[in-house]
N, C-alpha and C. Protein backbone atom coordinates (compact mmCIF):
# COMPACT_ATOMS: atom_id res chain seq x y z
N MET A 1 117.26 62.23 102.06
CA MET A 1 116.02 62.92 103.11
C MET A 1 116.95 64.26 104.01
N PRO A 2 116.12 65.30 104.17
CA PRO A 2 117.30 66.36 105.27
C PRO A 2 116.71 66.06 106.42
N GLU A 3 118.06 65.81 107.11
CA GLU A 3 117.68 65.02 108.55
C GLU A 3 117.60 66.74 109.68
N LEU A 4 117.14 66.34 110.85
CA LEU A 4 116.85 67.08 111.75
C LEU A 4 117.69 68.74 111.61
N PRO A 5 118.66 68.33 111.60
CA PRO A 5 119.87 69.56 111.56
C PRO A 5 119.66 70.29 110.36
N GLU A 6 119.38 69.77 109.54
CA GLU A 6 119.22 70.45 108.15
C GLU A 6 118.03 71.36 107.90
N VAL A 7 116.86 70.73 108.64
CA VAL A 7 115.31 71.23 108.73
C VAL A 7 115.42 72.46 109.86
N GLU A 8 116.30 72.13 111.15
CA GLU A 8 116.27 73.57 111.83
C GLU A 8 117.18 74.51 111.29
N THR A 9 118.38 73.98 110.49
CA THR A 9 119.18 75.19 110.01
C THR A 9 118.56 75.92 108.84
N THR A 10 117.63 74.97 108.15
CA THR A 10 116.64 76.03 107.27
C THR A 10 115.71 77.39 107.95
N LEU A 11 115.23 76.52 109.12
CA LEU A 11 114.35 77.41 109.76
C LEU A 11 114.89 78.57 110.17
N ARG A 12 115.83 78.12 110.95
CA ARG A 12 117.03 79.58 111.30
C ARG A 12 117.26 80.66 110.35
N GLY A 13 117.68 80.05 109.09
CA GLY A 13 117.90 80.76 108.36
C GLY A 13 116.87 81.56 107.34
N ILE A 14 115.65 81.15 107.21
CA ILE A 14 114.53 81.84 106.51
C ILE A 14 114.00 82.40 107.55
N LEU A 15 113.71 82.25 108.84
CA LEU A 15 112.95 82.87 109.80
C LEU A 15 113.21 84.31 110.04
N PRO A 16 114.61 84.97 109.89
CA PRO A 16 114.67 86.53 110.09
C PRO A 16 113.81 86.98 108.63
N HIS A 17 114.11 86.71 107.46
CA HIS A 17 113.63 87.16 106.48
C HIS A 17 112.21 87.05 106.41
N LEU A 18 111.06 86.32 107.39
CA LEU A 18 109.72 86.33 107.01
C LEU A 18 109.17 86.64 107.98
N GLU A 19 109.56 86.73 108.97
CA GLU A 19 108.64 87.13 110.52
C GLU A 19 108.69 88.62 110.28
N GLY A 20 107.17 88.82 110.35
CA GLY A 20 106.74 90.24 110.65
C GLY A 20 106.23 90.58 109.29
N ARG A 21 106.80 89.84 108.39
CA ARG A 21 106.66 90.30 106.61
C ARG A 21 105.21 89.85 106.18
N ARG A 22 104.60 90.45 105.39
CA ARG A 22 103.12 90.31 104.63
C ARG A 22 103.41 89.43 103.67
N VAL A 23 102.37 88.63 103.23
CA VAL A 23 102.50 87.63 101.92
C VAL A 23 102.01 88.60 100.89
N ALA A 24 102.93 88.84 99.75
CA ALA A 24 102.14 89.30 98.73
C ALA A 24 101.53 88.46 97.76
N ALA A 25 102.06 87.53 97.34
CA ALA A 25 101.35 86.37 96.55
C ALA A 25 102.29 85.02 96.92
N LEU A 26 101.55 84.07 96.22
CA LEU A 26 102.29 82.36 96.29
C LEU A 26 102.24 82.15 94.71
N ARG A 27 102.99 81.98 94.20
CA ARG A 27 103.26 81.40 92.77
C ARG A 27 103.74 79.99 93.09
N VAL A 28 102.74 79.11 92.52
CA VAL A 28 102.95 77.72 92.43
C VAL A 28 103.25 77.33 91.03
N ARG A 29 104.00 76.78 90.80
CA ARG A 29 104.56 76.17 89.07
C ARG A 29 103.99 74.56 89.19
N GLN A 30 104.46 73.86 90.25
CA GLN A 30 103.97 72.44 90.52
C GLN A 30 103.21 72.26 91.70
N PRO A 31 101.89 71.79 91.23
CA PRO A 31 101.33 71.49 92.64
C PRO A 31 101.13 69.93 92.83
N ALA A 32 101.68 69.29 92.06
CA ALA A 32 101.92 67.86 92.12
C ALA A 32 102.96 67.38 93.06
N LEU A 33 102.86 67.72 94.22
CA LEU A 33 104.06 67.40 95.29
C LEU A 33 103.52 65.85 96.09
N ARG A 34 104.35 65.51 96.98
CA ARG A 34 103.66 64.52 97.66
C ARG A 34 102.12 64.53 98.03
N TRP A 35 101.54 65.32 98.38
CA TRP A 35 99.92 65.55 98.47
C TRP A 35 99.95 67.21 97.80
N PRO A 36 98.81 67.23 96.85
CA PRO A 36 98.68 68.03 95.91
C PRO A 36 98.54 69.67 96.76
N VAL A 37 99.11 70.57 96.42
CA VAL A 37 99.15 71.85 97.16
C VAL A 37 97.91 72.36 97.13
N PRO A 38 96.85 72.54 98.03
CA PRO A 38 95.57 73.06 97.88
C PRO A 38 95.57 74.08 97.01
N PRO A 39 94.63 74.11 95.91
CA PRO A 39 94.24 74.98 95.25
C PRO A 39 93.79 76.22 95.61
N GLN A 40 93.33 76.42 96.80
CA GLN A 40 92.70 77.65 96.87
C GLN A 40 94.05 78.45 97.95
N LEU A 41 95.24 77.79 98.03
CA LEU A 41 96.13 78.53 98.95
C LEU A 41 96.86 79.65 97.80
N PRO A 42 96.78 80.24 96.76
CA PRO A 42 97.59 81.08 96.21
C PRO A 42 96.40 82.14 96.47
N ALA A 43 95.36 82.20 96.49
CA ALA A 43 94.17 83.11 97.07
C ALA A 43 94.04 83.23 98.40
N LEU A 44 94.27 82.17 99.19
CA LEU A 44 94.18 82.63 100.50
C LEU A 44 95.51 83.12 101.31
N LEU A 45 96.50 83.38 100.96
CA LEU A 45 97.86 83.73 101.56
C LEU A 45 97.80 84.90 101.50
N PRO A 46 97.78 85.70 100.36
CA PRO A 46 98.11 87.17 100.32
C PRO A 46 97.41 87.97 101.31
N SER A 47 97.98 89.00 101.67
CA SER A 47 97.77 89.90 102.95
C SER A 47 97.91 89.19 104.28
N GLN A 48 98.06 88.48 104.63
CA GLN A 48 98.18 87.51 105.90
C GLN A 48 100.16 88.04 106.30
N TYR A 49 99.95 87.87 107.33
CA TYR A 49 101.06 88.61 108.23
C TYR A 49 101.71 87.35 108.65
N ILE A 50 103.29 87.08 108.71
CA ILE A 50 104.09 85.78 109.09
C ILE A 50 104.54 86.34 110.40
N HIS A 51 103.89 85.57 111.55
CA HIS A 51 103.96 85.87 112.83
C HIS A 51 105.15 84.93 113.51
N GLY A 52 105.61 83.93 112.86
CA GLY A 52 106.88 83.12 113.44
C GLY A 52 107.01 81.67 112.89
N GLY A 53 107.62 80.98 113.33
CA GLY A 53 107.81 79.59 112.53
C GLY A 53 108.59 78.60 113.95
N GLN A 54 108.16 77.55 113.64
CA GLN A 54 108.62 76.62 114.42
C GLN A 54 109.02 75.17 113.48
N ARG A 55 109.83 74.18 114.22
CA ARG A 55 110.18 72.97 113.64
C ARG A 55 109.54 71.79 114.78
N ARG A 56 108.55 71.17 113.93
CA ARG A 56 108.04 70.16 115.06
C ARG A 56 108.71 68.74 113.74
N GLY A 57 109.20 67.86 114.46
CA GLY A 57 109.82 66.79 113.65
C GLY A 57 110.58 67.39 112.32
N LYS A 58 110.35 66.82 111.09
CA LYS A 58 110.75 67.19 109.97
C LYS A 58 109.94 68.36 109.25
N TYR A 59 108.93 68.88 109.80
CA TYR A 59 107.76 69.46 109.25
C TYR A 59 108.51 70.94 109.91
N LEU A 60 108.09 71.86 109.11
CA LEU A 60 108.17 73.22 109.42
C LEU A 60 106.82 74.09 109.55
N LEU A 61 106.45 74.79 110.47
CA LEU A 61 105.32 75.40 110.60
C LEU A 61 105.49 76.80 110.14
N LEU A 62 104.77 77.66 109.39
CA LEU A 62 105.00 78.99 109.70
C LEU A 62 103.45 79.57 110.16
N ALA A 63 103.33 80.26 111.11
CA ALA A 63 101.98 80.75 111.69
C ALA A 63 101.75 82.20 110.89
N LEU A 64 100.61 82.27 110.54
CA LEU A 64 100.07 83.35 109.44
C LEU A 64 98.65 83.41 110.44
N ASP A 65 98.32 84.74 109.84
CA ASP A 65 97.08 85.22 110.38
C ASP A 65 95.98 84.31 110.28
N GLY A 66 95.80 83.56 109.38
CA GLY A 66 94.36 82.36 109.53
C GLY A 66 94.66 81.35 109.82
N GLY A 67 96.43 80.75 110.05
CA GLY A 67 96.12 79.50 110.10
C GLY A 67 97.68 79.05 110.09
N HIS A 68 98.03 78.14 109.77
CA HIS A 68 99.60 77.58 109.78
C HIS A 68 99.78 77.14 108.27
N LEU A 69 101.18 77.58 107.62
CA LEU A 69 101.51 76.89 106.54
C LEU A 69 102.49 75.54 106.94
N LEU A 70 102.24 74.67 106.37
CA LEU A 70 103.12 73.08 107.00
C LEU A 70 103.81 72.91 105.78
N LEU A 71 105.24 72.90 105.80
CA LEU A 71 106.18 72.37 104.96
C LEU A 71 107.15 71.43 105.17
N HIS A 72 107.38 70.47 104.26
CA HIS A 72 107.90 69.48 104.27
C HIS A 72 108.93 69.03 103.20
N LEU A 73 110.17 68.84 103.30
CA LEU A 73 111.25 68.97 102.12
C LEU A 73 111.58 67.82 101.54
N GLY A 74 110.57 67.20 101.97
CA GLY A 74 110.69 65.48 101.65
C GLY A 74 112.16 64.87 101.33
N MET A 75 112.61 64.27 100.19
CA MET A 75 113.76 63.38 100.52
C MET A 75 115.04 64.40 99.73
N SER A 76 114.98 65.27 98.80
CA SER A 76 115.68 66.05 98.41
C SER A 76 115.53 67.65 98.31
N GLY A 77 114.49 68.48 99.20
CA GLY A 77 113.75 69.36 98.73
C GLY A 77 115.20 70.55 99.63
N SER A 78 114.57 71.90 99.42
CA SER A 78 115.03 73.02 100.23
C SER A 78 114.14 74.06 99.84
N LEU A 79 114.19 75.16 100.69
CA LEU A 79 113.71 76.18 101.17
C LEU A 79 114.83 76.89 101.06
N ARG A 80 114.71 78.21 100.18
CA ARG A 80 116.12 79.17 100.70
C ARG A 80 115.17 80.84 99.94
N MET A 81 115.60 81.61 100.52
CA MET A 81 115.57 82.90 100.09
C MET A 81 116.21 83.45 98.96
N VAL A 82 115.91 83.89 97.81
CA VAL A 82 116.04 83.83 96.64
C VAL A 82 115.98 85.64 96.37
N ALA A 83 116.84 86.03 95.46
CA ALA A 83 116.76 87.20 94.76
C ALA A 83 115.37 87.73 93.83
N PRO A 84 115.00 88.63 94.28
CA PRO A 84 113.52 88.90 93.23
C PRO A 84 114.42 88.84 91.64
N GLY A 85 113.11 88.26 90.93
CA GLY A 85 113.42 87.98 89.72
C GLY A 85 114.46 86.97 89.26
N LEU A 86 115.17 86.26 90.02
CA LEU A 86 115.84 84.96 89.52
C LEU A 86 114.77 84.30 89.11
N ALA A 87 115.32 83.75 87.68
CA ALA A 87 114.21 82.91 87.01
C ALA A 87 114.53 81.65 87.81
N ALA A 88 113.28 80.91 87.59
CA ALA A 88 113.30 79.60 88.35
C ALA A 88 113.56 78.49 87.25
N GLY A 89 113.90 77.24 88.22
CA GLY A 89 114.39 76.38 87.48
C GLY A 89 113.52 75.07 87.53
N PRO A 90 113.95 74.07 86.40
CA PRO A 90 113.01 73.19 86.49
C PRO A 90 112.31 72.73 87.67
N HIS A 91 113.13 72.55 88.93
CA HIS A 91 112.78 72.00 90.21
C HIS A 91 112.26 72.88 91.07
N ASP A 92 112.02 73.93 90.46
CA ASP A 92 111.73 75.41 91.63
C ASP A 92 110.28 75.13 91.51
N HIS A 93 109.47 74.88 92.46
CA HIS A 93 108.15 74.51 92.43
C HIS A 93 107.09 75.69 92.96
N LEU A 94 107.72 76.03 93.94
CA LEU A 94 106.68 77.54 94.79
C LEU A 94 107.43 78.55 95.19
N ASP A 95 107.01 79.52 95.11
CA ASP A 95 107.58 81.23 95.79
C ASP A 95 106.60 81.50 96.43
N LEU A 96 106.94 81.99 97.54
CA LEU A 96 106.17 82.64 98.23
C LEU A 96 106.78 83.94 98.47
N LEU A 97 105.90 84.97 97.61
CA LEU A 97 106.74 86.42 97.35
C LEU A 97 106.24 87.38 98.92
N LEU A 98 107.15 88.08 99.26
CA LEU A 98 106.93 88.94 100.27
C LEU A 98 106.60 90.34 100.18
N ASP A 99 106.20 90.86 101.34
CA ASP A 99 105.66 92.91 100.69
C ASP A 99 107.25 93.35 100.65
N ASP A 100 108.13 93.05 100.86
CA ASP A 100 109.51 93.80 101.13
C ASP A 100 110.35 93.49 99.82
N GLY A 101 109.35 92.09 99.06
CA GLY A 101 110.50 92.02 98.04
C GLY A 101 111.20 90.51 97.99
N GLY A 102 110.98 90.19 99.09
CA GLY A 102 112.19 88.97 99.13
C GLY A 102 110.72 87.62 98.77
N VAL A 103 111.62 86.73 98.53
CA VAL A 103 110.94 85.39 97.81
C VAL A 103 111.58 84.33 98.30
N LEU A 104 110.69 83.43 98.97
CA LEU A 104 111.12 82.35 99.62
C LEU A 104 110.57 81.02 98.43
N ARG A 105 111.83 80.29 97.99
CA ARG A 105 111.87 79.30 96.91
C ARG A 105 111.79 77.94 97.30
N LEU A 106 110.83 76.92 97.56
CA LEU A 106 110.68 75.58 97.39
C LEU A 106 111.16 74.84 96.21
N THR A 107 112.46 74.18 96.09
CA THR A 107 113.02 73.53 95.32
C THR A 107 112.81 71.98 95.62
N ASP A 108 112.49 71.18 94.96
CA ASP A 108 112.28 69.71 95.30
C ASP A 108 112.36 68.98 94.12
N PRO A 109 113.42 68.62 93.72
CA PRO A 109 113.68 67.41 92.48
C PRO A 109 112.71 66.44 92.58
N ARG A 110 112.92 65.68 93.71
CA ARG A 110 111.81 64.23 93.67
C ARG A 110 110.43 64.70 93.58
N ARG A 111 110.20 65.81 94.06
CA ARG A 111 108.63 65.82 94.50
C ARG A 111 107.73 65.33 95.78
N PHE A 112 108.72 65.14 96.68
CA PHE A 112 108.35 64.37 97.90
C PHE A 112 107.97 65.30 98.91
N GLY A 113 108.20 66.58 98.73
CA GLY A 113 108.04 67.71 99.80
C GLY A 113 106.39 67.63 99.80
N ALA A 114 106.03 68.51 100.98
CA ALA A 114 104.68 68.91 101.05
C ALA A 114 104.25 70.46 101.20
N VAL A 115 103.28 71.15 100.78
CA VAL A 115 102.93 72.33 101.19
C VAL A 115 101.40 72.25 101.44
N LEU A 116 100.97 72.66 102.45
CA LEU A 116 99.83 72.04 103.08
C LEU A 116 99.19 73.50 104.03
N TRP A 117 97.73 73.48 104.02
CA TRP A 117 97.55 74.75 104.92
C TRP A 117 96.38 74.28 105.81
N LEU A 118 97.00 74.75 107.29
CA LEU A 118 96.22 74.10 108.90
C LEU A 118 95.35 75.10 109.08
N THR A 119 94.42 75.11 109.90
CA THR A 119 93.70 75.98 110.61
C THR A 119 93.66 75.24 111.77
N GLY A 120 93.40 76.19 112.81
CA GLY A 120 93.32 75.79 114.26
C GLY A 120 94.71 75.50 114.72
N ASP A 121 95.03 74.84 115.96
CA ASP A 121 96.27 74.98 116.82
C ASP A 121 96.75 73.38 115.99
N PRO A 122 98.01 73.64 115.43
CA PRO A 122 98.85 72.19 114.62
C PRO A 122 99.12 71.64 115.81
């Protein structure tokens, strides 16, 4: 399981690429993670701006216009910025596409990670 230093390093690595960007699309390849990815999420996120992010324990929270995207890496997951057009592997379950062409990819071989939507103050 990614420990606190890895989660903090992940946040610090991805946040400069996300902050101030607008979500263009959410591509879910495998919704069956630890908890199912909310089915409305791909329709809800486009056009929302990412205002910032924070770590709470081992959870990552991305602040968007209408709420917070909660991410957990599970036991073996990772979040990385990847090149646009890079083919997805068998364990690449989710892509967050940004207005500048950037792609944030969730890779989770064991599928113990989580992607949830929170409204209000987390």
